[in-house]
PDB file of N, CA and C in Angstrom:
ATOM      1  N   MET A   1      66.289  87.747 -18.748  1.00  0.00           N
ATOM      2  CA  MET A   1      66.594  88.727 -19.327  1.00  0.00           C
ATOM      3  C   MET A   1      66.327  90.491 -18.173  1.00  0.00           C
ATOM      4  N   ASN A   2      67.300  91.133 -18.725  1.00  0.00           N
ATOM      5  CA  ASN A   2      67.286  92.683 -17.981  1.00  0.00           C
ATOM      6  C   ASN A   2      66.461  94.042 -18.727  1.00  0.00           C
ATOM      7  N   THR A   3      65.381  93.462 -20.211  1.00  0.00           N
ATOM      8  CA  THR A   3      65.264  94.228 -20.786  1.00  0.00           C
ATOM      9  C   THR A   3      63.725  94.315 -20.214  1.00  0.00           C
ATOM     10  N   LEU A   4      62.926  95.301 -20.702  1.00  0.00           N
ATOM     11  CA  LEU A   4      61.584  95.225 -20.723  1.00  0.00           C
ATOM     12  C   LEU A   4      61.368  94.266 -21.997  1.00  0.00           C
ATOM     13  N   VAL A   5      60.342  94.064 -22.138  1.00  0.00           N
ATOM     14  CA  VAL A   5      59.592  93.373 -23.013  1.00  0.00           C
ATOM     15  C   VAL A   5      58.233  94.870 -24.060  1.00  0.00           C
ATOM     16  N   THR A   6      58.604  94.694 -25.548  1.00  0.00           N
ATOM     17  CA  THR A   6      58.507  95.701 -25.938  1.00  0.00           C
ATOM     18  C   THR A   6      56.541  94.933 -26.329  1.00  0.00           C
ATOM     19  N   PRO A   7      55.789  96.567 -26.264  1.00  0.00           N
ATOM     20  CA  PRO A   7      54.778  95.935 -26.814  1.00  0.00           C
ATOM     21  C   PRO A   7      54.633  94.761 -27.633  1.00  0.00           C
ATOM     22  N   ALA A   8      55.655  94.869 -28.786  1.00  0.00           N
ATOM     23  CA  ALA A   8      55.426  94.394 -30.087  1.00  0.00           C
ATOM     24  C   ALA A   8      55.855  92.303 -29.780  1.00  0.00           C
ATOM     25  N   GLU A   9      56.988  92.650 -28.878  1.00  0.00           N
ATOM     26  CA  GLU A   9      57.419  91.530 -28.460  1.00  0.00           C
ATOM     27  C   GLU A   9      56.444  90.750 -27.790  1.00  0.00           C
ATOM     28  N   TRP A  10      55.675  91.445 -27.132  1.00  0.00           N
ATOM     29  CA  TRP A  10      54.640  90.677 -26.476  1.00  0.00           C
ATOM     30  C   TRP A  10      53.278  90.353 -26.760  1.00  0.00           C
ATOM     31  N   ALA A  11      52.690  90.821 -27.916  1.00  0.00           N
ATOM     32  CA  ALA A  11      52.174  89.926 -29.023  1.00  0.00           C
ATOM     33  C   ALA A  11      53.175  89.156 -29.658  1.00  0.00           C
ATOM     34  N   GLU A  12      53.616  89.159 -29.984  1.00  0.00           N
ATOM     35  CA  GLU A  12      54.509  88.137 -30.423  1.00  0.00           C
ATOM     36  C   GLU A  12      55.217  86.908 -29.687  1.00  0.00           C
ATOM     37  N   GLY A  13      54.669  86.947 -28.598  1.00  0.00           N
ATOM     38  CA  GLY A  13      55.560  86.100 -27.629  1.00  0.00           C
ATOM     39  C   GLY A  13      56.949  85.603 -27.886  1.00  0.00           C
ATOM     40  N   SER A  14      57.649  86.390 -28.390  1.00  0.00           N
ATOM     41  CA  SER A  14      59.049  86.256 -28.294  1.00  0.00           C
ATOM     42  C   SER A  14      60.073  86.117 -27.731  1.00  0.00           C
ATOM     43  N   SER A  15      59.770  86.866 -26.819  1.00  0.00           N
ATOM     44  CA  SER A  15      60.460  87.095 -25.476  1.00  0.00           C
ATOM     45  C   SER A  15      60.027  85.969 -24.378  1.00  0.00           C
ATOM     46  N   ILE A  16      58.936  85.980 -24.344  1.00  0.00           N
ATOM     47  CA  ILE A  16      58.295  84.984 -23.829  1.00  0.00           C
ATOM     48  C   ILE A  16      58.551  83.183 -24.225  1.00  0.00           C
ATOM     49  N   GLN A  17      58.596  83.387 -24.945  1.00  0.00           N
ATOM     50  CA  GLN A  17      59.281  81.947 -25.870  1.00  0.00           C
ATOM     51  C   GLN A  17      60.796  81.599 -25.576  1.00  0.00           C
ATOM     52  N   ALA A  18      61.302  82.821 -25.926  1.00  0.00           N
ATOM     53  CA  ALA A  18      62.946  82.626 -25.672  1.00  0.00           C
ATOM     54  C   ALA A  18      63.222  82.540 -24.201  1.00  0.00           C
ATOM     55  N   PHE A  19      62.782  83.077 -23.049  1.00  0.00           N
ATOM     56  CA  PHE A  19      62.614  82.898 -21.602  1.00  0.00           C
ATOM     57  C   PHE A  19      62.530  81.177 -21.041  1.00  0.00           C
ATOM     58  N   ALA A  20      61.345  80.762 -21.916  1.00  0.00           N
ATOM     59  CA  ALA A  20      61.286  79.734 -21.899  1.00  0.00           C
ATOM     60  C   ALA A  20      61.976  78.642 -21.995  1.00  0.00           C
ATOM     61  N   ARG A  21      62.748  79.167 -23.023  1.00  0.00           N
ATOM     62  CA  ARG A  21      63.804  78.008 -24.159  1.00  0.00           C
ATOM     63  C   ARG A  21      65.066  78.058 -22.823  1.00  0.00           C
ATOM     64  N   GLU A  22      65.349  79.116 -22.770  1.00  0.00           N
ATOM     65  CA  GLU A  22      66.461  79.461 -21.666  1.00  0.00           C
ATOM     66  C   GLU A  22      66.179  78.633 -20.552  1.00  0.00           C
ATOM     67  N   THR A  23      65.140  79.022 -20.036  1.00  0.00           N
ATOM     68  CA  THR A  23      64.626  78.384 -18.795  1.00  0.00           C
ATOM     69  C   THR A  23      64.843  76.476 -18.683  1.00  0.00           C
ATOM     70  N   VAL A  24      64.604  75.875 -19.928  1.00  0.00           N
ATOM     71  CA  VAL A  24      64.322  74.710 -20.106  1.00  0.00           C
ATOM     72  C   VAL A  24      65.831  74.382 -20.369  1.00  0.00           C
ATOM     73  N   ASP A  25      66.752  74.825 -20.874  1.00  0.00           N
ATOM     74  CA  ASP A  25      67.794  75.202 -21.014  1.00  0.00           C
ATOM     75  C   ASP A  25      68.738  74.518 -19.931  1.00  0.00           C
ATOM     76  N   GLN A  26      68.753  75.775 -18.946  1.00  0.00           N
ATOM     77  CA  GLN A  26      68.816  75.757 -17.490  1.00  0.00           C
ATOM     78  C   GLN A  26      68.792  74.608 -16.760  1.00  0.00           C
ATOM     79  N   TRP A  27      67.410  74.259 -17.018  1.00  0.00           N
ATOM     80  CA  TRP A  27      66.687  73.303 -15.943  1.00  0.00           C
ATOM     81  C   TRP A  27      67.044  71.511 -16.531  1.00  0.00           C
ATOM     82  N   SER A  28      67.423  71.577 -17.747  1.00  0.00           N
ATOM     83  CA  SER A  28      68.176  70.455 -18.163  1.00  0.00           C
ATOM     84  C   SER A  28      69.550  70.409 -18.024  1.00  0.00           C
ATOM     85  N   GLU A  29      70.137  70.915 -17.545  1.00  0.00           N
ATOM     86  CA  GLU A  29      71.970  71.660 -17.082  1.00  0.00           C
ATOM     87  C   GLU A  29      71.814  70.891 -15.700  1.00  0.00           C
ATOM     88  N   LEU A  30      70.854  71.419 -14.995  1.00  0.00           N
ATOM     89  CA  LEU A  30      70.334  71.329 -13.455  1.00  0.00           C
ATOM     90  C   LEU A  30      69.984  69.892 -13.530  1.00  0.00           C
ATOM     91  N   CYS A  31      69.218  69.344 -14.087  1.00  0.00           N
ATOM     92  CA  CYS A  31      69.308  67.985 -14.055  1.00  0.00           C
ATOM     93  C   CYS A  31      69.869  66.929 -14.392  1.00  0.00           C
ATOM     94  N   GLN A  32      70.768  67.414 -15.480  1.00  0.00           N
ATOM     95  CA  GLN A  32      72.038  66.327 -15.797  1.00  0.00           C
ATOM     96  C   GLN A  32      73.151  66.543 -14.978  1.00  0.00           C
ATOM     97  N   LYS A  33      73.477  67.491 -14.273  1.00  0.00           N
ATOM     98  CA  LYS A  33      74.060  67.762 -13.033  1.00  0.00           C
ATOM     99  C   LYS A  33      74.128  66.824 -11.875  1.00  0.00           C
ATOM    100  N   PHE A  34      72.628  67.050 -11.513  1.00  0.00           N
ATOM    101  CA  PHE A  34      71.724  65.721 -10.369  1.00  0.00           C
ATOM    102  C   PHE A  34      72.255  64.422 -10.501  1.00  0.00           C
ATOM    103  N   LEU A  35      71.550  64.100 -11.897  1.00  0.00           N
ATOM    104  CA  LEU A  35      71.897  62.958 -12.104  1.00  0.00           C
ATOM    105  C   LEU A  35      73.145  62.458 -12.372  1.00  0.00           C
ATOM    106  N   ASP A  36      74.258  62.954 -13.154  1.00  0.00           N
ATOM    107  CA  ASP A  36      76.122  62.654 -12.792  1.00  0.00           C
ATOM    108  C   ASP A  36      76.263  62.663 -11.147  1.00  0.00           C
ATOM    109  N   ARG A  37      76.088  63.632 -10.396  1.00  0.00           N
ATOM    110  CA  ARG A  37      76.139  63.481  -9.030  1.00  0.00           C
ATOM    111  C   ARG A  37      75.246  61.741  -8.111  1.00  0.00           C
ATOM    112  N   GLN A  38      74.417  62.172  -8.560  1.00  0.00           N
ATOM    113  CA  GLN A  38      73.239  60.555  -8.601  1.00  0.00           C
ATOM    114  C   GLN A  38      73.914  59.114  -8.918  1.00  0.00           C
ATOM    115  N   ARG A  39      74.789  59.267  -9.947  1.00  0.00           N
ATOM    116  CA  ARG A  39      75.633  58.107 -10.375  1.00  0.00           C
ATOM    117  C   ARG A  39      76.534  57.969  -9.408  1.00  0.00           C
ATOM    118  N   ALA A  40      77.654  59.112  -8.888  1.00  0.00           N
ATOM    119  CA  ALA A  40      78.602  59.296  -8.544  1.00  0.00           C
ATOM    120  C   ALA A  40      78.562  58.342  -6.823  1.00  0.00           C
ATOM    121  N   ASP A  41      77.676  59.621  -6.203  1.00  0.00           N
ATOM    122  CA  ASP A  41      77.438  59.298  -5.188  1.00  0.00           C
ATOM    123  C   ASP A  41      76.404  58.161  -4.193  1.00  0.00           C
ATOM    124  N   ILE A  42      75.471  57.951  -5.171  1.00  0.00           N
ATOM    125  CA  ILE A  42      74.446  57.049  -4.824  1.00  0.00           C
ATOM    126  C   ILE A  42      74.855  55.748  -5.908  1.00  0.00           C
ATOM    127  N   LEU A  43      74.867  55.757  -6.856  1.00  0.00           N
ATOM    128  CA  LEU A  43      74.790  54.347  -7.233  1.00  0.00           C
ATOM    129  C   LEU A  43      76.092  53.625  -7.239  1.00  0.00           C
ATOM    130  N   MET A  44      77.521  54.267  -7.618  1.00  0.00           N
ATOM    131  CA  MET A  44      78.416  54.224  -7.295  1.00  0.00           C
ATOM    132  C   MET A  44      78.929  53.889  -6.155  1.00  0.00           C
ATOM    133  N   GLY A  45      78.614  54.936  -5.536  1.00  0.00           N
ATOM    134  CA  GLY A  45      79.368  54.691  -3.688  1.00  0.00           C
ATOM    135  C   GLY A  45      78.326  54.083  -2.890  1.00  0.00           C
ATOM    136  N   ASN A  46      78.836  54.454  -1.742  1.00  0.00           N
ATOM    137  CA  ASN A  46      78.036  53.272  -0.568  1.00  0.00           C
ATOM    138  C   ASN A  46      77.317  54.509   0.190  1.00  0.00           C
ATOM    139  N   PRO A  47      76.174  54.918  -0.218  1.00  0.00           N
ATOM    140  CA  PRO A  47      75.338  55.658   0.453  1.00  0.00           C
ATOM    141  C   PRO A  47      74.718  55.685   1.593  1.00  0.00           C
ATOM    142  N   SER A  48      74.741  56.785   2.624  1.00  0.00           N
ATOM    143  CA  SER A  48      74.250  56.466   3.989  1.00  0.00           C
ATOM    144  C   SER A  48      72.889  56.361   4.172  1.00  0.00           C
ATOM    145  N   PRO A  49      72.149  56.292   4.810  1.00  0.00           N
ATOM    146  CA  PRO A  49      71.066  56.727   4.950  1.00  0.00           C
ATOM    147  C   PRO A  49      70.767  58.112   5.138  1.00  0.00           C
ATOM    148  N   GLU A  50      71.523  59.087   5.441  1.00  0.00           N
ATOM    149  CA  GLU A  50      71.402  60.587   5.421  1.00  0.00           C
ATOM    150  C   GLU A  50      71.929  60.775   3.840  1.00  0.00           C
ATOM    151  N   GLN A  51      72.502  60.275   3.133  1.00  0.00           N
ATOM    152  CA  GLN A  51      72.192  60.342   1.405  1.00  0.00           C
ATOM    153  C   GLN A  51      71.170  60.159   1.000  1.00  0.00           C
ATOM    154  N   LEU A  52      70.866  59.295   1.136  1.00  0.00           N
ATOM    155  CA  LEU A  52      69.787  58.603   0.468  1.00  0.00           C
ATOM    156  C   LEU A  52      68.538  59.267   0.711  1.00  0.00           C
ATOM    157  N   GLU A  53      68.426  60.021   2.153  1.00  0.00           N
ATOM    158  CA  GLU A  53      67.317  60.715   2.208  1.00  0.00           C
ATOM    159  C   GLU A  53      67.361  62.257   1.531  1.00  0.00           C
ATOM    160  N   GLN A  54      68.478  62.681   1.719  1.00  0.00           N
ATOM    161  CA  GLN A  54      68.297  63.908   1.045  1.00  0.00           C
ATOM    162  C   GLN A  54      68.470  63.887  -0.322  1.00  0.00           C
ATOM    163  N   HIS A  55      68.872  62.428  -1.103  1.00  0.00           N
ATOM    164  CA  HIS A  55      68.302  62.495  -2.310  1.00  0.00           C
ATOM    165  C   HIS A  55      67.271  62.197  -2.289  1.00  0.00           C
ATOM    166  N   CYS A  56      66.373  61.726  -1.750  1.00  0.00           N
ATOM    167  CA  CYS A  56      65.208  60.925  -2.104  1.00  0.00           C
ATOM    168  C   CYS A  56      63.933  62.721  -2.106  1.00  0.00           C
ATOM    169  N   THR A  57      64.646  63.343  -1.203  1.00  0.00           N
ATOM    170  CA  THR A  57      63.899  64.524  -1.056  1.00  0.00           C
ATOM    171  C   THR A  57      64.195  65.526  -2.270  1.00  0.00           C
ATOM    172  N   ALA A  58      65.295  65.656  -2.459  1.00  0.00           N
ATOM    173  CA  ALA A  58      65.587  66.849  -3.741  1.00  0.00           C
ATOM    174  C   ALA A  58      65.206  65.768  -4.936  1.00  0.00           C
ATOM    175  N   LEU A  59      64.986  64.658  -4.953  1.00  0.00           N
ATOM    176  CA  LEU A  59      64.588  63.967  -6.358  1.00  0.00           C
ATOM    177  C   LEU A  59      62.787  64.261  -6.316  1.00  0.00           C
ATOM    178  N   LYS A  60      62.306  64.393  -4.935  1.00  0.00           N
ATOM    179  CA  LYS A  60      60.837  64.702  -4.818  1.00  0.00           C
ATOM    180  C   LYS A  60      60.862  65.893  -5.761  1.00  0.00           C
ATOM    181  N   TRP A  61      61.704  67.023  -5.084  1.00  0.00           N
ATOM    182  CA  TRP A  61      61.442  68.494  -5.943  1.00  0.00           C
ATOM    183  C   TRP A  61      61.794  68.075  -7.391  1.00  0.00           C
ATOM    184  N   MET A  62      62.789  67.871  -7.735  1.00  0.00           N
ATOM    185  CA  MET A  62      62.954  67.783  -9.232  1.00  0.00           C
ATOM    186  C   MET A  62      61.818  67.256  -9.432  1.00  0.00           C
ATOM    187  N   LEU A  63      61.173  66.288  -9.834  1.00  0.00           N
ATOM    188  CA  LEU A  63      59.847  65.618 -10.022  1.00  0.00           C
ATOM    189  C   LEU A  63      59.050  66.603  -9.875  1.00  0.00           C
ATOM    190  N   ARG A  64      58.631  66.938  -8.631  1.00  0.00           N
ATOM    191  CA  ARG A  64      57.340  68.090  -8.658  1.00  0.00           C
ATOM    192  C   ARG A  64      57.750  68.993  -9.710  1.00  0.00           C
ATOM    193  N   PHE A  65      59.025  69.774  -9.953  1.00  0.00           N
ATOM    194  CA  PHE A  65      59.029  71.456 -10.910  1.00  0.00           C
ATOM    195  C   PHE A  65      58.712  70.373 -12.461  1.00  0.00           C
ATOM    196  N   ALA A  66      60.097  69.580 -12.717  1.00  0.00           N
ATOM    197  CA  ALA A  66      59.583  68.599 -14.282  1.00  0.00           C
ATOM    198  C   ALA A  66      58.562  68.191 -14.597  1.00  0.00           C
ATOM    199  N   ARG A  67      57.451  67.684 -13.585  1.00  0.00           N
ATOM    200  CA  ARG A  67      56.034  67.859 -13.666  1.00  0.00           C
ATOM    201  C   ARG A  67      55.183  69.061 -14.635  1.00  0.00           C
ATOM    202  N   ALA A  68      55.527  70.457 -13.244  1.00  0.00           N
ATOM    203  CA  ALA A  68      54.967  71.240 -13.816  1.00  0.00           C
ATOM    204  C   ALA A  68      55.285  72.037 -14.705  1.00  0.00           C
ATOM    205  N   LEU A  69      56.730  72.113 -15.154  1.00  0.00           N
ATOM    206  CA  LEU A  69      57.043  72.492 -16.403  1.00  0.00           C
ATOM    207  C   LEU A  69      56.394  71.826 -17.833  1.00  0.00           C
ATOM    208  N   HIS A  70      56.842  70.831 -17.650  1.00  0.00           N
ATOM    209  CA  HIS A  70      56.223  69.656 -18.916  1.00  0.00           C
ATOM    210  C   HIS A  70      54.443  69.808 -19.143  1.00  0.00           C
ATOM    211  N   LEU A  71      53.610  69.894 -17.914  1.00  0.00           N
ATOM    212  CA  LEU A  71      52.966  70.125 -18.273  1.00  0.00           C
ATOM    213  C   LEU A  71      52.028  71.721 -18.906  1.00  0.00           C
ATOM    214  N   ALA A  72      52.635  72.924 -18.396  1.00  0.00           N
ATOM    215  CA  ALA A  72      52.598  73.875 -18.539  1.00  0.00           C
ATOM    216  C   ALA A  72      53.367  73.556 -21.074  1.00  0.00           C
ATOM    217  N   ALA A  73      54.325  73.204 -21.091  1.00  0.00           N
ATOM    218  CA  ALA A  73      55.255  73.022 -22.293  1.00  0.00           C
ATOM    219  C   ALA A  73      54.448  72.142 -23.312  1.00  0.00           C
ATOM    220  N   SER A  74      53.347  71.237 -22.250  1.00  0.00           N
ATOM    221  CA  SER A  74      52.753  70.161 -23.487  1.00  0.00           C
ATOM    222  C   SER A  74      51.365  70.468 -23.978  1.00  0.00           C
ATOM    223  N   ASP A  75      50.724  71.909 -23.346  1.00  0.00           N
ATOM    224  CA  ASP A  75      49.631  72.599 -23.906  1.00  0.00           C
ATOM    225  C   ASP A  75      49.761  72.286 -25.525  1.00  0.00           C
ATOM    226  N   PRO A  76      48.946  72.164 -25.806  1.00  0.00           N
ATOM    227  CA  PRO A  76      48.442  71.785 -27.124  1.00  0.00           C
ATOM    228  C   PRO A  76      48.842  73.222 -28.319  1.00  0.00           C
ATOM    229  N   ASP A  77      48.334  74.898 -27.079  1.00  0.00           N
ATOM    230  CA  ASP A  77      48.975  75.793 -28.366  1.00  0.00           C
ATOM    231  C   ASP A  77      50.208  76.180 -27.584  1.00  0.00           C
ATOM    232  N   TYR A  78      50.638  75.198 -27.381  1.00  0.00           N
ATOM    233  CA  TYR A  78      52.521  76.047 -26.682  1.00  0.00           C
ATOM    234  C   TYR A  78      53.105  75.590 -27.945  1.00  0.00           C
ATOM    235  N   PRO A  79      54.024  76.635 -28.573  1.00  0.00           N
ATOM    236  CA  PRO A  79      54.223  76.964 -29.884  1.00  0.00           C
ATOM    237  C   PRO A  79      56.002  76.050 -30.084  1.00  0.00           C
ATOM    238  N   ASP A  80      56.484  75.509 -29.456  1.00  0.00           N
ATOM    239  CA  ASP A  80      57.571  74.664 -29.508  1.00  0.00           C
ATOM    240  C   ASP A  80      57.798  73.606 -28.761  1.00  0.00           C
ATOM    241  N   ARG A  81      57.279  72.385 -29.527  1.00  0.00           N
ATOM    242  CA  ARG A  81      57.539  71.046 -29.304  1.00  0.00           C
ATOM    243  C   ARG A  81      58.698  70.617 -28.926  1.00  0.00           C
ATOM    244  N   ARG A  82      60.087  71.306 -29.133  1.00  0.00           N
ATOM    245  CA  ARG A  82      60.994  70.570 -28.680  1.00  0.00           C
ATOM    246  C   ARG A  82      61.175  70.616 -27.041  1.00  0.00           C
ATOM    247  N   ILE A  83      60.411  71.892 -26.488  1.00  0.00           N
ATOM    248  CA  ILE A  83      60.536  72.041 -25.244  1.00  0.00           C
ATOM    249  C   ILE A  83      59.702  71.083 -24.666  1.00  0.00           C
ATOM    250  N   ALA A  84      58.934  70.506 -24.969  1.00  0.00           N
ATOM    251  CA  ALA A  84      57.646  69.351 -24.157  1.00  0.00           C
ATOM    252  C   ALA A  84      58.761  68.586 -24.393  1.00  0.00           C
ATOM    253  N   ASP A  85      58.986  68.027 -25.378  1.00  0.00           N
ATOM    254  CA  ASP A  85      60.235  67.056 -25.769  1.00  0.00           C
ATOM    255  C   ASP A  85      61.318  66.818 -24.737  1.00  0.00           C
ATOM    256  N   GLU A  86      62.000  67.858 -24.574  1.00  0.00           N
ATOM    257  CA  GLU A  86      62.871  67.870 -23.580  1.00  0.00           C
ATOM    258  C   GLU A  86      62.647  67.806 -22.186  1.00  0.00           C
ATOM    259  N   LEU A  87      61.600  68.294 -21.820  1.00  0.00           N
ATOM    260  CA  LEU A  87      61.091  68.333 -20.670  1.00  0.00           C
ATOM    261  C   LEU A  87      60.686  66.870 -20.075  1.00  0.00           C
ATOM    262  N   GLU A  88      60.025  66.261 -21.558  1.00  0.00           N
ATOM    263  CA  GLU A  88      59.776  65.012 -21.427  1.00  0.00           C
ATOM    264  C   GLU A  88      60.376  63.943 -20.901  1.00  0.00           C
ATOM    265  N   GLY A  89      61.809  64.081 -21.705  1.00  0.00           N
ATOM    266  CA  GLY A  89      62.635  63.120 -21.518  1.00  0.00           C
ATOM    267  C   GLY A  89      63.619  63.236 -20.635  1.00  0.00           C
ATOM    268  N   ARG A  90      63.764  64.292 -19.931  1.00  0.00           N
ATOM    269  CA  ARG A  90      64.061  64.747 -18.226  1.00  0.00           C
ATOM    270  C   ARG A  90      63.229  64.095 -17.330  1.00  0.00           C
ATOM    271  N   LEU A  91      61.895  64.172 -17.425  1.00  0.00           N
ATOM    272  CA  LEU A  91      60.838  63.476 -16.646  1.00  0.00           C
ATOM    273  C   LEU A  91      60.992  62.287 -16.538  1.00  0.00           C
ATOM    274  N   ILE A  92      61.242  61.447 -17.688  1.00  0.00           N
ATOM    275  CA  ILE A  92      61.697  60.262 -17.730  1.00  0.00           C
ATOM    276  C   ILE A  92      62.935  59.389 -17.131  1.00  0.00           C
ATOM    277  N   GLN A  93      63.707  60.515 -17.279  1.00  0.00           N
ATOM    278  CA  GLN A  93      65.385  59.983 -16.478  1.00  0.00           C
ATOM    279  C   GLN A  93      64.987  60.399 -14.959  1.00  0.00           C
ATOM    280  N   LEU A  94      64.179  61.145 -14.271  1.00  0.00           N
ATOM    281  CA  LEU A  94      63.866  61.394 -13.100  1.00  0.00           C
ATOM    282  C   LEU A  94      62.965  59.802 -12.506  1.00  0.00           C
ATOM    283  N   GLU A  95      62.153  59.929 -13.504  1.00  0.00           N
ATOM    284  CA  GLU A  95      60.839  58.720 -12.426  1.00  0.00           C
ATOM    285  C   GLU A  95      61.473  57.689 -12.729  1.00  0.00           C
ATOM    286  N   HIS A  96      62.616  57.108 -13.723  1.00  0.00           N
ATOM    287  CA  HIS A  96      63.405  56.058 -13.458  1.00  0.00           C
ATOM    288  C   HIS A  96      64.126  56.296 -12.234  1.00  0.00           C
ATOM    289  N   SER A  97      65.144  57.134 -11.889  1.00  0.00           N
ATOM    290  CA  SER A  97      65.391  57.405 -10.514  1.00  0.00           C
ATOM    291  C   SER A  97      64.812  56.889  -9.809  1.00  0.00           C
ATOM    292  N   TRP A  98      63.452  57.165  -9.797  1.00  0.00           N
ATOM    293  CA  TRP A  98      63.246  57.155  -8.315  1.00  0.00           C
ATOM    294  C   TRP A  98      62.447  55.624  -8.551  1.00  0.00           C
ATOM    295  N   ARG A  99      61.997  54.880  -9.417  1.00  0.00           N
ATOM    296  CA  ARG A  99      62.062  53.615  -9.187  1.00  0.00           C
ATOM    297  C   ARG A  99      63.168  52.989  -9.050  1.00  0.00           C
ATOM    298  N   MET A 100      64.222  53.136  -9.314  1.00  0.00           N
ATOM    299  CA  MET A 100      65.612  52.380  -9.145  1.00  0.00           C
ATOM    300  C   MET A 100      65.948  52.514  -8.110  1.00  0.00           C
ATOM    301  N   ILE A 101      65.996  53.385  -7.315  1.00  0.00           N
ATOM    302  CA  ILE A 101      66.495  53.995  -5.727  1.00  0.00           C
ATOM    303  C   ILE A 101      65.671  54.073  -5.088  1.00  0.00           C
ATOM    304  N   HIS A 102      64.146  54.522  -5.068  1.00  0.00           N
ATOM    305  CA  HIS A 102      63.680  54.407  -4.047  1.00  0.00           C
ATOM    306  C   HIS A 102      62.332  53.701  -3.743  1.00  0.00           C
ATOM    307  N   ASP A 103      62.232  53.132  -5.060  1.00  0.00           N
ATOM    308  CA  ASP A 103      61.209  52.501  -5.264  1.00  0.00           C
ATOM    309  C   ASP A 103      61.621  50.861  -5.146  1.00  0.00           C
ATOM    310  N   ARG A 104      62.054  50.281  -4.550  1.00  0.00           N
ATOM    311  CA  ARG A 104      62.687  48.980  -4.823  1.00  0.00           C
ATOM    312  C   ARG A 104      62.055  47.732  -4.387  1.00  0.00           C
ATOM    313  N   MET A 105      61.983  46.992  -4.790  1.00  0.00           N
ATOM    314  CA  MET A 105      61.443  45.274  -4.659  1.00  0.00           C
ATOM    315  C   MET A 105      62.025  44.812  -3.263  1.00  0.00           C
ATOM    316  N   SER A 106      61.210  44.689  -2.492  1.00  0.00           N
ATOM    317  CA  SER A 106      61.890  44.087  -1.057  1.00  0.00           C
ATOM    318  C   SER A 106      62.529  42.623  -1.730  1.00  0.00           C
ATOM    319  N   GLY A 107      63.430  42.241  -0.721  1.00  0.00           N
ATOM    320  CA  GLY A 107      63.674  40.401  -0.914  1.00  0.00           C
ATOM    321  C   GLY A 107      62.805  39.893  -1.312  1.00  0.00           C
ATOM    322  N   PRO A 108      61.467  39.650  -0.555  1.00  0.00           N
ATOM    323  CA  PRO A 108      60.942  38.767  -0.602  1.00  0.00           C
ATOM    324  C   PRO A 108      59.911  38.636  -2.108  1.00  0.00           C
ATOM    325  N   GLU A 109      59.640  40.115  -2.193  1.00  0.00           N
ATOM    326  CA  GLU A 109      58.870  39.987  -3.522  1.00  0.00           C
ATOM    327  C   GLU A 109      59.662  40.241  -4.649  1.00  0.00           C
ATOM    328  N   ALA A 110      61.274  39.558  -4.685  1.00  0.00           N
ATOM    329  CA  ALA A 110      62.086  39.840  -5.402  1.00  0.00           C
ATOM    330  C   ALA A 110      62.108  38.347  -5.783  1.00  0.00           C
ATOM    331  N   ASP A 111      62.351  37.409  -4.328  1.00  0.00           N
ATOM    332  CA  ASP A 111      62.151  36.010  -4.321  1.00  0.00           C
ATOM    333  C   ASP A 111      60.927  35.680  -5.209  1.00  0.00           C
ATOM    334  N   GLN A 112      60.054  35.758  -4.442  1.00  0.00           N
ATOM    335  CA  GLN A 112      58.276  35.614  -5.250  1.00  0.00           C
ATOM    336  C   GLN A 112      58.413  35.290  -6.613  1.00  0.00           C
ATOM    337  N   LEU A 113      59.176  36.939  -7.263  1.00  0.00           N
ATOM    338  CA  LEU A 113      59.110  37.058  -8.521  1.00  0.00           C
ATOM    339  C   LEU A 113      59.929  35.774  -9.020  1.00  0.00           C
ATOM    340  N   LEU A 114      60.874  36.236  -8.301  1.00  0.00           N
ATOM    341  CA  LEU A 114      61.776  34.968  -9.205  1.00  0.00           C
ATOM    342  C   LEU A 114      61.455  33.216  -9.397  1.00  0.00           C
ATOM    343  N   LYS A 115      60.784  32.831  -8.462  1.00  0.00           N
ATOM    344  CA  LYS A 115      60.148  31.745  -8.118  1.00  0.00           C
ATOM    345  C   LYS A 115      58.541  31.801  -9.398  1.00  0.00           C
ATOM    346  N   LYS A 116      58.623  32.778  -9.819  1.00  0.00           N
ATOM    347  CA  LYS A 116      57.361  32.412 -10.677  1.00  0.00           C
ATOM    348  C   LYS A 116      58.111  32.436 -11.827  1.00  0.00           C
ATOM    349  N   VAL A 117      59.101  33.484 -12.351  1.00  0.00           N
ATOM    350  CA  VAL A 117      59.781  33.239 -13.757  1.00  0.00           C
ATOM    351  C   VAL A 117      60.126  32.335 -14.049  1.00  0.00           C
ATOM    352  N   PHE A 118      61.033  31.878 -12.865  1.00  0.00           N
ATOM    353  CA  PHE A 118      62.042  30.331 -13.248  1.00  0.00           C
ATOM    354  C   PHE A 118      61.220  29.639 -12.261  1.00  0.00           C
ATOM    355  N   PRO A 119      60.147  29.197 -12.346  1.00  0.00           N
ATOM    356  CA  PRO A 119      59.834  27.810 -11.228  1.00  0.00           C
ATOM    357  C   PRO A 119      60.972  26.715 -11.470  1.00  0.00           C
ATOM    358  N   GLY A 120      61.133  26.140 -10.532  1.00  0.00           N
ATOM    359  CA  GLY A 120      61.283  24.762 -10.400  1.00  0.00           C
ATOM    360  C   GLY A 120      62.948  24.421  -9.508  1.00  0.00           C
TER     361      GLY A 120
END
């Protein structure tokens, strides 16, 4: 926003709410670009150890920022529930990415689980 907030807008919080909505929209677009690139480079590709490390670092920052934004938007006094819902959805996607790519089960753990679930 390039204009100053008027006293009336400040009192109503309308400019701040509009700014929050725009910020979340931009954040959501960034998350989608990250997830699209993750799919192409990490999930569908053959990532190098360096690419996996870069992805890990980027995803940690994405998660930190998503959690911070979600915490603010989840405040019971926050007037726009849609923002919290949008952020919660993106946070779930990012957490799923973490579990899927960087928190994988080891080979022996997978074998043990398979034996437990499918004995014999």
